[in-house]
Amino acid sequence: MADMTRVARFSHRVEAELARASLESEGIPALLLADDAGGTWPGLPINLLVEAADVEAAEQILEPMRSRPVPSSFDSAGDDAPPADGLPWWASAGLIMALLVALGMVVLTITH
């Protein structure tokens, strides 16, 4: 793949993977470029790249994904605004779990 161009940017890896799979199922080679430490930092953007010759076709395939409304089940506050911290709900739960595990390790170290 040479001369790659960004056609989309995503906040969540799952969305990026779905978009990449959509393009590849239509015969457009695609590449995800992310600096999210293998998913450790899930809030960092993920870029979807295609060859320059495929940009127009890729944008047509991705357009329905961009214009799709957010399901109301995700809208608990009554508006379509993303969370203030920009992280998905599961990232907060993961952080809490990591802190609890770290605390447990400290307690075990002290008591033994």
PDB file of N, CA and C in Angstrom:
ATOM      1  N   MET A   1       0.850  -1.174   0.000  1.00  0.00           N
ATOM      2  CA  MET A   1       0.000   0.000   0.000  1.00  0.00           C
ATOM      3  C   MET A   1       0.896   1.237   0.000  1.00  0.00           C
ATOM      4  N   ALA A   2       0.699   2.057  -1.004  1.00  0.00           N
ATOM      5  CA  ALA A   2       1.501   3.272  -1.111  1.00  0.00           C
ATOM      6  C   ALA A   2       0.586   4.481  -1.197  1.00  0.00           C
ATOM      7  N   ASP A   3       1.105   5.626  -0.778  1.00  0.00           N
ATOM      8  CA  ASP A   3       0.369   6.886  -0.855  1.00  0.00           C
ATOM      9  C   ASP A   3      -0.997   6.776  -0.179  1.00  0.00           C
ATOM     10  N   MET A   4      -0.973   6.578   1.126  1.00  0.00           N
ATOM     11  CA  MET A   4      -2.203   6.398   1.901  1.00  0.00           C
ATOM     12  C   MET A   4      -2.782   7.754   2.306  1.00  0.00           C
ATOM     13  N   THR A   5      -4.111   7.841   2.349  1.00  0.00           N
ATOM     14  CA  THR A   5      -4.825   9.058   2.709  1.00  0.00           C
ATOM     15  C   THR A   5      -5.838   8.740   3.797  1.00  0.00           C
ATOM     16  N   ARG A   6      -5.942   9.629   4.785  1.00  0.00           N
ATOM     17  CA  ARG A   6      -6.922   9.426   5.854  1.00  0.00           C
ATOM     18  C   ARG A   6      -8.319   9.755   5.332  1.00  0.00           C
ATOM     19  N   VAL A   7      -9.251   8.832   5.538  1.00  0.00           N
ATOM     20  CA  VAL A   7     -10.637   9.054   5.130  1.00  0.00           C
ATOM     21  C   VAL A   7     -11.568   9.180   6.324  1.00  0.00           C
ATOM     22  N   ALA A   8     -11.098   8.780   7.502  1.00  0.00           N
ATOM     23  CA  ALA A   8     -11.942   8.888   8.692  1.00  0.00           C
ATOM     24  C   ALA A   8     -11.069   8.844   9.937  1.00  0.00           C
ATOM     25  N   ARG A   9     -11.638   9.360  11.018  1.00  0.00           N
ATOM     26  CA  ARG A   9     -10.975   9.349  12.325  1.00  0.00           C
ATOM     27  C   ARG A   9     -12.007   8.898  13.343  1.00  0.00           C
ATOM     28  N   PHE A  10     -11.608   7.986  14.212  1.00  0.00           N
ATOM     29  CA  PHE A  10     -12.535   7.405  15.180  1.00  0.00           C
ATOM     30  C   PHE A  10     -12.008   7.564  16.598  1.00  0.00           C
ATOM     31  N   SER A  11     -12.932   7.610  17.540  1.00  0.00           N
ATOM     32  CA  SER A  11     -12.573   7.692  18.956  1.00  0.00           C
ATOM     33  C   SER A  11     -12.499   6.318  19.595  1.00  0.00           C
ATOM     34  N   HIS A  12     -13.135   5.335  18.974  1.00  0.00           N
ATOM     35  CA  HIS A  12     -13.204   3.998  19.566  1.00  0.00           C
ATOM     36  C   HIS A  12     -12.735   2.956  18.555  1.00  0.00           C
ATOM     37  N   ARG A  13     -11.932   2.024  19.023  1.00  0.00           N
ATOM     38  CA  ARG A  13     -11.350   1.002  18.146  1.00  0.00           C
ATOM     39  C   ARG A  13     -12.424   0.148  17.470  1.00  0.00           C
ATOM     40  N   VAL A  14     -13.492  -0.165  18.172  1.00  0.00           N
ATOM     41  CA  VAL A  14     -14.534  -1.015  17.583  1.00  0.00           C
ATOM     42  C   VAL A  14     -15.134  -0.342  16.353  1.00  0.00           C
ATOM     43  N   GLU A  15     -15.427   0.955  16.452  1.00  0.00           N
ATOM     44  CA  GLU A  15     -15.959   1.681  15.296  1.00  0.00           C
ATOM     45  C   GLU A  15     -14.962   1.666  14.137  1.00  0.00           C
ATOM     46  N   ALA A  16     -13.701   1.881  14.461  1.00  0.00           N
ATOM     47  CA  ALA A  16     -12.667   1.894  13.426  1.00  0.00           C
ATOM     48  C   ALA A  16     -12.548   0.531  12.750  1.00  0.00           C
ATOM     49  N   GLU A  17     -12.586  -0.532  13.541  1.00  0.00           N
ATOM     50  CA  GLU A  17     -12.492  -1.887  12.976  1.00  0.00           C
ATOM     51  C   GLU A  17     -13.694  -2.199  12.090  1.00  0.00           C
ATOM     52  N   LEU A  18     -14.882  -1.764  12.505  1.00  0.00           N
ATOM     53  CA  LEU A  18     -16.078  -1.988  11.687  1.00  0.00           C
ATOM     54  C   LEU A  18     -15.983  -1.239  10.360  1.00  0.00           C
ATOM     55  N   ALA A  19     -15.495  -0.002  10.412  1.00  0.00           N
ATOM     56  CA  ALA A  19     -15.344   0.776   9.182  1.00  0.00           C
ATOM     57  C   ALA A  19     -14.313   0.126   8.258  1.00  0.00           C
ATOM     58  N   ARG A  20     -13.192  -0.309   8.823  1.00  0.00           N
ATOM     59  CA  ARG A  20     -12.161  -0.982   8.023  1.00  0.00           C
ATOM     60  C   ARG A  20     -12.720  -2.249   7.378  1.00  0.00           C
ATOM     61  N   ALA A  21     -13.463  -3.020   8.158  1.00  0.00           N
ATOM     62  CA  ALA A  21     -14.058  -4.253   7.629  1.00  0.00           C
ATOM     63  C   ALA A  21     -15.062  -3.944   6.521  1.00  0.00           C
ATOM     64  N   SER A  22     -15.813  -2.858   6.674  1.00  0.00           N
ATOM     65  CA  SER A  22     -16.772  -2.467   5.632  1.00  0.00           C
ATOM     66  C   SER A  22     -16.052  -2.154   4.328  1.00  0.00           C
ATOM     67  N   LEU A  23     -14.952  -1.427   4.425  1.00  0.00           N
ATOM     68  CA  LEU A  23     -14.193  -1.094   3.217  1.00  0.00           C
ATOM     69  C   LEU A  23     -13.582  -2.337   2.584  1.00  0.00           C
ATOM     70  N   GLU A  24     -12.979  -3.181   3.410  1.00  0.00           N
ATOM     71  CA  GLU A  24     -12.328  -4.373   2.869  1.00  0.00           C
ATOM     72  C   GLU A  24     -13.331  -5.358   2.272  1.00  0.00           C
ATOM     73  N   SER A  25     -14.553  -5.384   2.816  1.00  0.00           N
ATOM     74  CA  SER A  25     -15.572  -6.266   2.236  1.00  0.00           C
ATOM     75  C   SER A  25     -16.004  -5.788   0.852  1.00  0.00           C
ATOM     76  N   GLU A  26     -15.746  -4.511   0.562  1.00  0.00           N
ATOM     77  CA  GLU A  26     -16.047  -3.956  -0.763  1.00  0.00           C
ATOM     78  C   GLU A  26     -14.812  -3.952  -1.665  1.00  0.00           C
ATOM     79  N   GLY A  27     -13.738  -4.582  -1.206  1.00  0.00           N
ATOM     80  CA  GLY A  27     -12.536  -4.691  -2.020  1.00  0.00           C
ATOM     81  C   GLY A  27     -11.578  -3.519  -1.918  1.00  0.00           C
ATOM     82  N   ILE A  28     -11.753  -2.668  -0.911  1.00  0.00           N
ATOM     83  CA  ILE A  28     -10.860  -1.525  -0.728  1.00  0.00           C
ATOM     84  C   ILE A  28      -9.893  -1.834   0.412  1.00  0.00           C
ATOM     85  N   PRO A  29      -8.611  -1.992   0.121  1.00  0.00           N
ATOM     86  CA  PRO A  29      -7.645  -2.234   1.193  1.00  0.00           C
ATOM     87  C   PRO A  29      -7.593  -1.032   2.133  1.00  0.00           C
ATOM     88  N   ALA A  30      -7.585  -1.287   3.426  1.00  0.00           N
ATOM     89  CA  ALA A  30      -7.593  -0.207   4.413  1.00  0.00           C
ATOM     90  C   ALA A  30      -6.632  -0.530   5.543  1.00  0.00           C
ATOM     91  N   LEU A  31      -6.173   0.522   6.198  1.00  0.00           N
ATOM     92  CA  LEU A  31      -5.209   0.392   7.280  1.00  0.00           C
ATOM     93  C   LEU A  31      -5.644   1.277   8.437  1.00  0.00           C
ATOM     94  N   LEU A  32      -5.574   0.747   9.654  1.00  0.00           N
ATOM     95  CA  LEU A  32      -5.844   1.547  10.841  1.00  0.00           C
ATOM     96  C   LEU A  32      -4.519   1.999  11.428  1.00  0.00           C
ATOM     97  N   LEU A  33      -4.422   3.282  11.694  1.00  0.00           N
ATOM     98  CA  LEU A  33      -3.225   3.849  12.291  1.00  0.00           C
ATOM     99  C   LEU A  33      -3.626   4.450  13.628  1.00  0.00           C
ATOM    100  N   ALA A  34      -3.132   3.843  14.704  1.00  0.00           N
ATOM    101  CA  ALA A  34      -3.519   4.285  16.041  1.00  0.00           C
ATOM    102  C   ALA A  34      -2.301   4.385  16.936  1.00  0.00           C
ATOM    103  N   ASP A  35      -2.314   5.379  17.785  1.00  0.00           N
ATOM    104  CA  ASP A  35      -1.272   5.523  18.792  1.00  0.00           C
ATOM    105  C   ASP A  35      -1.944   5.394  20.152  1.00  0.00           C
ATOM    106  N   ASP A  36      -2.642   4.272  20.335  1.00  0.00           N
ATOM    107  CA  ASP A  36      -3.408   4.063  21.567  1.00  0.00           C
ATOM    108  C   ASP A  36      -2.780   3.003  22.457  1.00  0.00           C
ATOM    109  N   ALA A  37      -1.513   2.723  22.245  1.00  0.00           N
ATOM    110  CA  ALA A  37      -0.768   1.750  23.055  1.00  0.00           C
ATOM    111  C   ALA A  37      -1.484   0.407  23.107  1.00  0.00           C
ATOM    112  N   GLY A  38      -1.920  -0.061  21.953  1.00  0.00           N
ATOM    113  CA  GLY A  38      -2.582  -1.361  21.883  1.00  0.00           C
ATOM    114  C   GLY A  38      -3.912  -1.408  22.598  1.00  0.00           C
ATOM    115  N   GLY A  39      -4.579  -0.274  22.707  1.00  0.00           N
ATOM    116  CA  GLY A  39      -5.868  -0.219  23.385  1.00  0.00           C
ATOM    117  C   GLY A  39      -5.777   0.221  24.834  1.00  0.00           C
ATOM    118  N   THR A  40      -4.565   0.445  25.343  1.00  0.00           N
ATOM    119  CA  THR A  40      -4.398   0.883  26.730  1.00  0.00           C
ATOM    120  C   THR A  40      -4.967   2.276  26.943  1.00  0.00           C
ATOM    121  N   TRP A  41      -4.847   3.125  25.949  1.00  0.00           N
ATOM    122  CA  TRP A  41      -5.386   4.481  26.007  1.00  0.00           C
ATOM    123  C   TRP A  41      -6.513   4.588  24.976  1.00  0.00           C
ATOM    124  N   PRO A  42      -7.704   4.116  25.293  1.00  0.00           N
ATOM    125  CA  PRO A  42      -8.767   4.006  24.296  1.00  0.00           C
ATOM    126  C   PRO A  42      -9.341   5.328  23.805  1.00  0.00           C
ATOM    127  N   GLY A  43      -9.084   6.429  24.458  1.00  0.00           N
ATOM    128  CA  GLY A  43      -9.657   7.699  24.038  1.00  0.00           C
ATOM    129  C   GLY A  43      -8.887   8.395  22.937  1.00  0.00           C
ATOM    130  N   LEU A  44      -7.707   7.890  22.585  1.00  0.00           N
ATOM    131  CA  LEU A  44      -6.912   8.529  21.543  1.00  0.00           C
ATOM    132  C   LEU A  44      -7.461   8.171  20.164  1.00  0.00           C
ATOM    133  N   PRO A  45      -7.359   9.105  19.203  1.00  0.00           N
ATOM    134  CA  PRO A  45      -7.963   8.866  17.888  1.00  0.00           C
ATOM    135  C   PRO A  45      -7.288   7.753  17.098  1.00  0.00           C
ATOM    136  N   ILE A  46      -8.093   7.126  16.260  1.00  0.00           N
ATOM    137  CA  ILE A  46      -7.640   6.063  15.362  1.00  0.00           C
ATOM    138  C   ILE A  46      -7.961   6.520  13.945  1.00  0.00           C
ATOM    139  N   ASN A  47      -6.956   6.568  13.092  1.00  0.00           N
ATOM    140  CA  ASN A  47      -7.127   7.019  11.717  1.00  0.00           C
ATOM    141  C   ASN A  47      -7.323   5.828  10.788  1.00  0.00           C
ATOM    142  N   LEU A  48      -8.260   5.977   9.865  1.00  0.00           N
ATOM    143  CA  LEU A  48      -8.522   4.970   8.840  1.00  0.00           C
ATOM    144  C   LEU A  48      -7.940   5.486   7.531  1.00  0.00           C
ATOM    145  N   LEU A  49      -7.001   4.726   6.975  1.00  0.00           N
ATOM    146  CA  LEU A  49      -6.301   5.137   5.762  1.00  0.00           C
ATOM    147  C   LEU A  49      -6.617   4.199   4.605  1.00  0.00           C
ATOM    148  N   VAL A  50      -6.709   4.795   3.412  1.00  0.00           N
ATOM    149  CA  VAL A  50      -6.863   4.013   2.182  1.00  0.00           C
ATOM    150  C   VAL A  50      -5.915   4.589   1.141  1.00  0.00           C
ATOM    151  N   GLU A  51      -5.702   3.849   0.079  1.00  0.00           N
ATOM    152  CA  GLU A  51      -4.875   4.354  -1.014  1.00  0.00           C
ATOM    153  C   GLU A  51      -5.575   5.551  -1.648  1.00  0.00           C
ATOM    154  N   ALA A  52      -4.778   6.499  -2.144  1.00  0.00           N
ATOM    155  CA  ALA A  52      -5.322   7.733  -2.710  1.00  0.00           C
ATOM    156  C   ALA A  52      -6.355   7.461  -3.805  1.00  0.00           C
ATOM    157  N   ALA A  53      -6.155   6.430  -4.587  1.00  0.00           N
ATOM    158  CA  ALA A  53      -7.081   6.108  -5.681  1.00  0.00           C
ATOM    159  C   ALA A  53      -8.441   5.628  -5.170  1.00  0.00           C
ATOM    160  N   ASP A  54      -8.507   5.180  -3.917  1.00  0.00           N
ATOM    161  CA  ASP A  54      -9.748   4.629  -3.363  1.00  0.00           C
ATOM    162  C   ASP A  54     -10.508   5.596  -2.461  1.00  0.00           C
ATOM    163  N   VAL A  55     -10.026   6.836  -2.325  1.00  0.00           N
ATOM    164  CA  VAL A  55     -10.622   7.772  -1.368  1.00  0.00           C
ATOM    165  C   VAL A  55     -12.101   8.010  -1.652  1.00  0.00           C
ATOM    166  N   GLU A  56     -12.450   8.309  -2.883  1.00  0.00           N
ATOM    167  CA  GLU A  56     -13.843   8.634  -3.212  1.00  0.00           C
ATOM    168  C   GLU A  56     -14.773   7.448  -2.940  1.00  0.00           C
ATOM    169  N   ALA A  57     -14.385   6.272  -3.352  1.00  0.00           N
ATOM    170  CA  ALA A  57     -15.209   5.079  -3.113  1.00  0.00           C
ATOM    171  C   ALA A  57     -15.327   4.795  -1.619  1.00  0.00           C
ATOM    172  N   ALA A  58     -14.235   4.971  -0.886  1.00  0.00           N
ATOM    173  CA  ALA A  58     -14.258   4.731   0.559  1.00  0.00           C
ATOM    174  C   ALA A  58     -15.198   5.705   1.260  1.00  0.00           C
ATOM    175  N   GLU A  59     -15.161   6.971   0.864  1.00  0.00           N
ATOM    176  CA  GLU A  59     -16.040   7.965   1.487  1.00  0.00           C
ATOM    177  C   GLU A  59     -17.510   7.651   1.221  1.00  0.00           C
ATOM    178  N   GLN A  60     -17.827   7.142   0.037  1.00  0.00           N
ATOM    179  CA  GLN A  60     -19.210   6.763  -0.262  1.00  0.00           C
ATOM    180  C   GLN A  60     -19.658   5.598   0.611  1.00  0.00           C
ATOM    181  N   ILE A  61     -18.775   4.652   0.853  1.00  0.00           N
ATOM    182  CA  ILE A  61     -19.115   3.498   1.693  1.00  0.00           C
ATOM    183  C   ILE A  61     -19.271   3.921   3.149  1.00  0.00           C
ATOM    184  N   LEU A  62     -18.427   4.843   3.600  1.00  0.00           N
ATOM    185  CA  LEU A  62     -18.450   5.263   5.004  1.00  0.00           C
ATOM    186  C   LEU A  62     -19.556   6.265   5.324  1.00  0.00           C
ATOM    187  N   GLU A  63     -20.087   6.944   4.320  1.00  0.00           N
ATOM    188  CA  GLU A  63     -21.091   7.988   4.562  1.00  0.00           C
ATOM    189  C   GLU A  63     -22.289   7.509   5.382  1.00  0.00           C
ATOM    190  N   PRO A  64     -22.882   6.351   5.094  1.00  0.00           N
ATOM    191  CA  PRO A  64     -24.015   5.904   5.925  1.00  0.00           C
ATOM    192  C   PRO A  64     -23.626   5.706   7.394  1.00  0.00           C
ATOM    193  N   MET A  65     -22.390   5.324   7.655  1.00  0.00           N
ATOM    194  CA  MET A  65     -21.944   5.155   9.039  1.00  0.00           C
ATOM    195  C   MET A  65     -21.849   6.499   9.746  1.00  0.00           C
ATOM    196  N   ARG A  66     -21.456   7.531   9.022  1.00  0.00           N
ATOM    197  CA  ARG A  66     -21.302   8.869   9.609  1.00  0.00           C
ATOM    198  C   ARG A  66     -22.641   9.522   9.906  1.00  0.00           C
ATOM    199  N   SER A  67     -23.625   9.265   9.080  1.00  0.00           N
ATOM    200  CA  SER A  67     -24.909   9.950   9.228  1.00  0.00           C
ATOM    201  C   SER A  67     -25.894   9.202  10.117  1.00  0.00           C
ATOM    202  N   ARG A  68     -25.491   8.063  10.620  1.00  0.00           N
ATOM    203  CA  ARG A  68     -26.366   7.259  11.474  1.00  0.00           C
ATOM    204  C   ARG A  68     -26.522   7.937  12.837  1.00  0.00           C
ATOM    205  N   PRO A  69     -27.752   8.116  13.338  1.00  0.00           N
ATOM    206  CA  PRO A  69     -27.945   8.750  14.646  1.00  0.00           C
ATOM    207  C   PRO A  69     -27.513   7.832  15.788  1.00  0.00           C
ATOM    208  N   VAL A  70     -27.198   8.442  16.906  1.00  0.00           N
ATOM    209  CA  VAL A  70     -26.843   7.690  18.107  1.00  0.00           C
ATOM    210  C   VAL A  70     -28.112   7.075  18.677  1.00  0.00           C
ATOM    211  N   PRO A  71     -28.118   5.778  18.985  1.00  0.00           N
ATOM    212  CA  PRO A  71     -29.315   5.154  19.560  1.00  0.00           C
ATOM    213  C   PRO A  71     -29.700   5.814  20.878  1.00  0.00           C
ATOM    214  N   SER A  72     -30.993   5.927  21.123  1.00  0.00           N
ATOM    215  CA  SER A  72     -31.462   6.595  22.336  1.00  0.00           C
ATOM    216  C   SER A  72     -31.047   5.854  23.600  1.00  0.00           C
ATOM    217  N   SER A  73     -30.750   4.559  23.519  1.00  0.00           N
ATOM    218  CA  SER A  73     -30.341   3.818  24.712  1.00  0.00           C
ATOM    219  C   SER A  73     -29.009   4.319  25.254  1.00  0.00           C
ATOM    220  N   PHE A  74     -28.205   4.994  24.421  1.00  0.00           N
ATOM    221  CA  PHE A  74     -26.937   5.546  24.880  1.00  0.00           C
ATOM    222  C   PHE A  74     -27.100   6.963  25.415  1.00  0.00           C
ATOM    223  N   ASP A  75     -28.275   7.515  25.278  1.00  0.00           N
ATOM    224  CA  ASP A  75     -28.512   8.912  25.614  1.00  0.00           C
ATOM    225  C   ASP A  75     -29.245   9.014  26.944  1.00  0.00           C
ATOM    226  N   SER A  76     -28.566   8.730  28.035  1.00  0.00           N
ATOM    227  CA  SER A  76     -29.219   8.729  29.341  1.00  0.00           C
ATOM    228  C   SER A  76     -29.443  10.127  29.887  1.00  0.00           C
ATOM    229  N   ALA A  77     -28.687  11.130  29.414  1.00  0.00           N
ATOM    230  CA  ALA A  77     -28.821  12.485  29.937  1.00  0.00           C
ATOM    231  C   ALA A  77     -29.848  13.298  29.161  1.00  0.00           C
ATOM    232  N   GLY A  78     -30.401  12.751  28.095  1.00  0.00           N
ATOM    233  CA  GLY A  78     -31.396  13.477  27.329  1.00  0.00           C
ATOM    234  C   GLY A  78     -30.812  14.328  26.216  1.00  0.00           C
ATOM    235  N   ASP A  79     -29.515  14.273  25.991  1.00  0.00           N
ATOM    236  CA  ASP A  79     -28.923  15.004  24.881  1.00  0.00           C
ATOM    237  C   ASP A  79     -27.926  14.104  24.161  1.00  0.00           C
ATOM    238  N   ASP A  80     -27.474  14.548  23.008  1.00  0.00           N
ATOM    239  CA  ASP A  80     -26.571  13.724  22.206  1.00  0.00           C
ATOM    240  C   ASP A  80     -25.101  14.031  22.462  1.00  0.00           C
ATOM    241  N   ALA A  81     -24.800  14.805  23.486  1.00  0.00           N
ATOM    242  CA  ALA A  81     -23.412  15.171  23.766  1.00  0.00           C
ATOM    243  C   ALA A  81     -22.635  13.973  24.292  1.00  0.00           C
ATOM    244  N   PRO A  82     -21.376  13.837  23.870  1.00  0.00           N
ATOM    245  CA  PRO A  82     -20.543  12.754  24.409  1.00  0.00           C
ATOM    246  C   PRO A  82     -20.184  13.043  25.859  1.00  0.00           C
ATOM    247  N   PRO A  83     -19.705  12.058  26.588  1.00  0.00           N
ATOM    248  CA  PRO A  83     -19.293  12.300  27.963  1.00  0.00           C
ATOM    249  C   PRO A  83     -18.225  13.388  28.022  1.00  0.00           C
ATOM    250  N   ALA A  84     -18.202  14.139  29.114  1.00  0.00           N
ATOM    251  CA  ALA A  84     -17.275  15.257  29.250  1.00  0.00           C
ATOM    252  C   ALA A  84     -15.823  14.819  29.130  1.00  0.00           C
ATOM    253  N   ASP A  85     -15.492  13.643  29.621  1.00  0.00           N
ATOM    254  CA  ASP A  85     -14.101  13.194  29.569  1.00  0.00           C
ATOM    255  C   ASP A  85     -13.742  12.541  28.237  1.00  0.00           C
ATOM    256  N   GLY A  86     -14.727  12.300  27.380  1.00  0.00           N
ATOM    257  CA  GLY A  86     -14.470  11.729  26.074  1.00  0.00           C
ATOM    258  C   GLY A  86     -14.200  10.237  26.072  1.00  0.00           C
ATOM    259  N   LEU A  87     -14.291   9.581  27.214  1.00  0.00           N
ATOM    260  CA  LEU A  87     -14.046   8.146  27.291  1.00  0.00           C
ATOM    261  C   LEU A  87     -15.360   7.389  27.315  1.00  0.00           C
ATOM    262  N   PRO A  88     -15.398   6.204  26.749  1.00  0.00           N
ATOM    263  CA  PRO A  88     -16.609   5.387  26.832  1.00  0.00           C
ATOM    264  C   PRO A  88     -16.829   4.903  28.260  1.00  0.00           C
ATOM    265  N   TRP A  89     -18.052   4.502  28.570  1.00  0.00           N
ATOM    266  CA  TRP A  89     -18.388   4.086  29.936  1.00  0.00           C
ATOM    267  C   TRP A  89     -17.514   2.944  30.412  1.00  0.00           C
ATOM    268  N   TRP A  90     -17.160   2.022  29.498  1.00  0.00           N
ATOM    269  CA  TRP A  90     -16.379   0.865  29.922  1.00  0.00           C
ATOM    270  C   TRP A  90     -14.941   1.225  30.257  1.00  0.00           C
ATOM    271  N   ALA A  91     -14.429   2.346  29.727  1.00  0.00           N
ATOM    272  CA  ALA A  91     -13.067   2.754  30.071  1.00  0.00           C
ATOM    273  C   ALA A  91     -13.003   3.189  31.526  1.00  0.00           C
ATOM    274  N   SER A  92     -14.048   3.867  32.002  1.00  0.00           N
ATOM    275  CA  SER A  92     -14.091   4.275  33.406  1.00  0.00           C
ATOM    276  C   SER A  92     -14.160   3.050  34.307  1.00  0.00           C
ATOM    277  N   ALA A  93     -14.962   2.070  33.927  1.00  0.00           N
ATOM    278  CA  ALA A  93     -15.063   0.842  34.722  1.00  0.00           C
ATOM    279  C   ALA A  93     -13.728   0.113  34.741  1.00  0.00           C
ATOM    280  N   GLY A  94     -13.031   0.097  33.619  1.00  0.00           N
ATOM    281  CA  GLY A  94     -11.724  -0.551  33.556  1.00  0.00           C
ATOM    282  C   GLY A  94     -10.700   0.138  34.440  1.00  0.00           C
ATOM    283  N   LEU A  95     -10.755   1.463  34.489  1.00  0.00           N
ATOM    284  CA  LEU A  95      -9.840   2.212  35.342  1.00  0.00           C
ATOM    285  C   LEU A  95     -10.093   1.902  36.806  1.00  0.00           C
ATOM    286  N   ILE A  96     -11.353   1.852  37.192  1.00  0.00           N
ATOM    287  CA  ILE A  96     -11.699   1.526  38.579  1.00  0.00           C
ATOM    288  C   ILE A  96     -11.211   0.127  38.926  1.00  0.00           C
ATOM    289  N   MET A  97     -11.406  -0.825  38.022  1.00  0.00           N
ATOM    290  CA  MET A  97     -10.956  -2.194  38.272  1.00  0.00           C
ATOM    291  C   MET A  97      -9.435  -2.249  38.408  1.00  0.00           C
ATOM    292  N   ALA A  98      -8.721  -1.528  37.553  1.00  0.00           N
ATOM    293  CA  ALA A  98      -7.257  -1.510  37.634  1.00  0.00           C
ATOM    294  C   ALA A  98      -6.788  -0.928  38.961  1.00  0.00           C
ATOM    295  N   LEU A  99      -7.448   0.119  39.429  1.00  0.00           N
ATOM    296  CA  LEU A  99      -7.086   0.712  40.718  1.00  0.00           C
ATOM    297  C   LEU A  99      -7.357  -0.249  41.868  1.00  0.00           C
ATOM    298  N   LEU A 100      -8.471  -0.973  41.805  1.00  0.00           N
ATOM    299  CA  LEU A 100      -8.777  -1.946  42.856  1.00  0.00           C
ATOM    300  C   LEU A 100      -7.758  -3.087  42.876  1.00  0.00           C
ATOM    301  N   VAL A 101      -7.349  -3.553  41.717  1.00  0.00           N
ATOM    302  CA  VAL A 101      -6.333  -4.610  41.646  1.00  0.00           C
ATOM    303  C   VAL A 101      -5.014  -4.106  42.219  1.00  0.00           C
ATOM    304  N   ALA A 102      -4.629  -2.881  41.861  1.00  0.00           N
ATOM    305  CA  ALA A 102      -3.383  -2.312  42.383  1.00  0.00           C
ATOM    306  C   ALA A 102      -3.451  -2.168  43.899  1.00  0.00           C
ATOM    307  N   LEU A 103      -4.582  -1.718  44.411  1.00  0.00           N
ATOM    308  CA  LEU A 103      -4.754  -1.587  45.859  1.00  0.00           C
ATOM    309  C   LEU A 103      -4.655  -2.949  46.529  1.00  0.00           C
ATOM    310  N   GLY A 104      -5.257  -3.962  45.934  1.00  0.00           N
ATOM    311  CA  GLY A 104      -5.179  -5.315  46.483  1.00  0.00           C
ATOM    312  C   GLY A 104      -3.754  -5.826  46.521  1.00  0.00           C
ATOM    313  N   MET A 105      -2.972  -5.508  45.494  1.00  0.00           N
ATOM    314  CA  MET A 105      -1.572  -5.941  45.474  1.00  0.00           C
ATOM    315  C   MET A 105      -0.771  -5.254  46.574  1.00  0.00           C
ATOM    316  N   VAL A 106      -1.059  -3.982  46.816  1.00  0.00           N
ATOM    317  CA  VAL A 106      -0.371  -3.256  47.889  1.00  0.00           C
ATOM    318  C   VAL A 106      -0.719  -3.866  49.235  1.00  0.00           C
ATOM    319  N   VAL A 107      -1.993  -4.152  49.456  1.00  0.00           N
ATOM    320  CA  VAL A 107      -2.430  -4.743  50.725  1.00  0.00           C
ATOM    321  C   VAL A 107      -1.778  -6.104  50.924  1.00  0.00           C
ATOM    322  N   LEU A 108      -1.732  -6.930  49.885  1.00  0.00           N
ATOM    323  CA  LEU A 108      -1.091  -8.241  49.996  1.00  0.00           C
ATOM    324  C   LEU A 108       0.400  -8.121  50.299  1.00  0.00           C
ATOM    325  N   THR A 109       1.047  -7.154  49.690  1.00  0.00           N
ATOM    326  CA  THR A 109       2.476  -6.951  49.928  1.00  0.00           C
ATOM    327  C   THR A 109       2.737  -6.532  51.369  1.00  0.00           C
ATOM    328  N   ILE A 110       1.905  -5.659  51.890  1.00  0.00           N
ATOM    329  CA  ILE A 110       2.077  -5.163  53.261  1.00  0.00           C
ATOM    330  C   ILE A 110       1.793  -6.257  54.280  1.00  0.00           C
ATOM    331  N   THR A 111       0.776  -7.064  54.051  1.00  0.00           N
ATOM    332  CA  THR A 111       0.372  -8.070  55.038  1.00  0.00           C
ATOM    333  C   THR A 111       1.229  -9.322  55.004  1.00  0.00           C
ATOM    334  N   HIS A 112       2.019  -9.521  53.982  1.00  0.00           N
ATOM    335  CA  HIS A 112       2.843 -10.738  53.918  1.00  0.00           C
ATOM    336  C   HIS A 112       4.241 -10.386  54.178  1.00  0.00           C
TER     337      HIS A 112
END
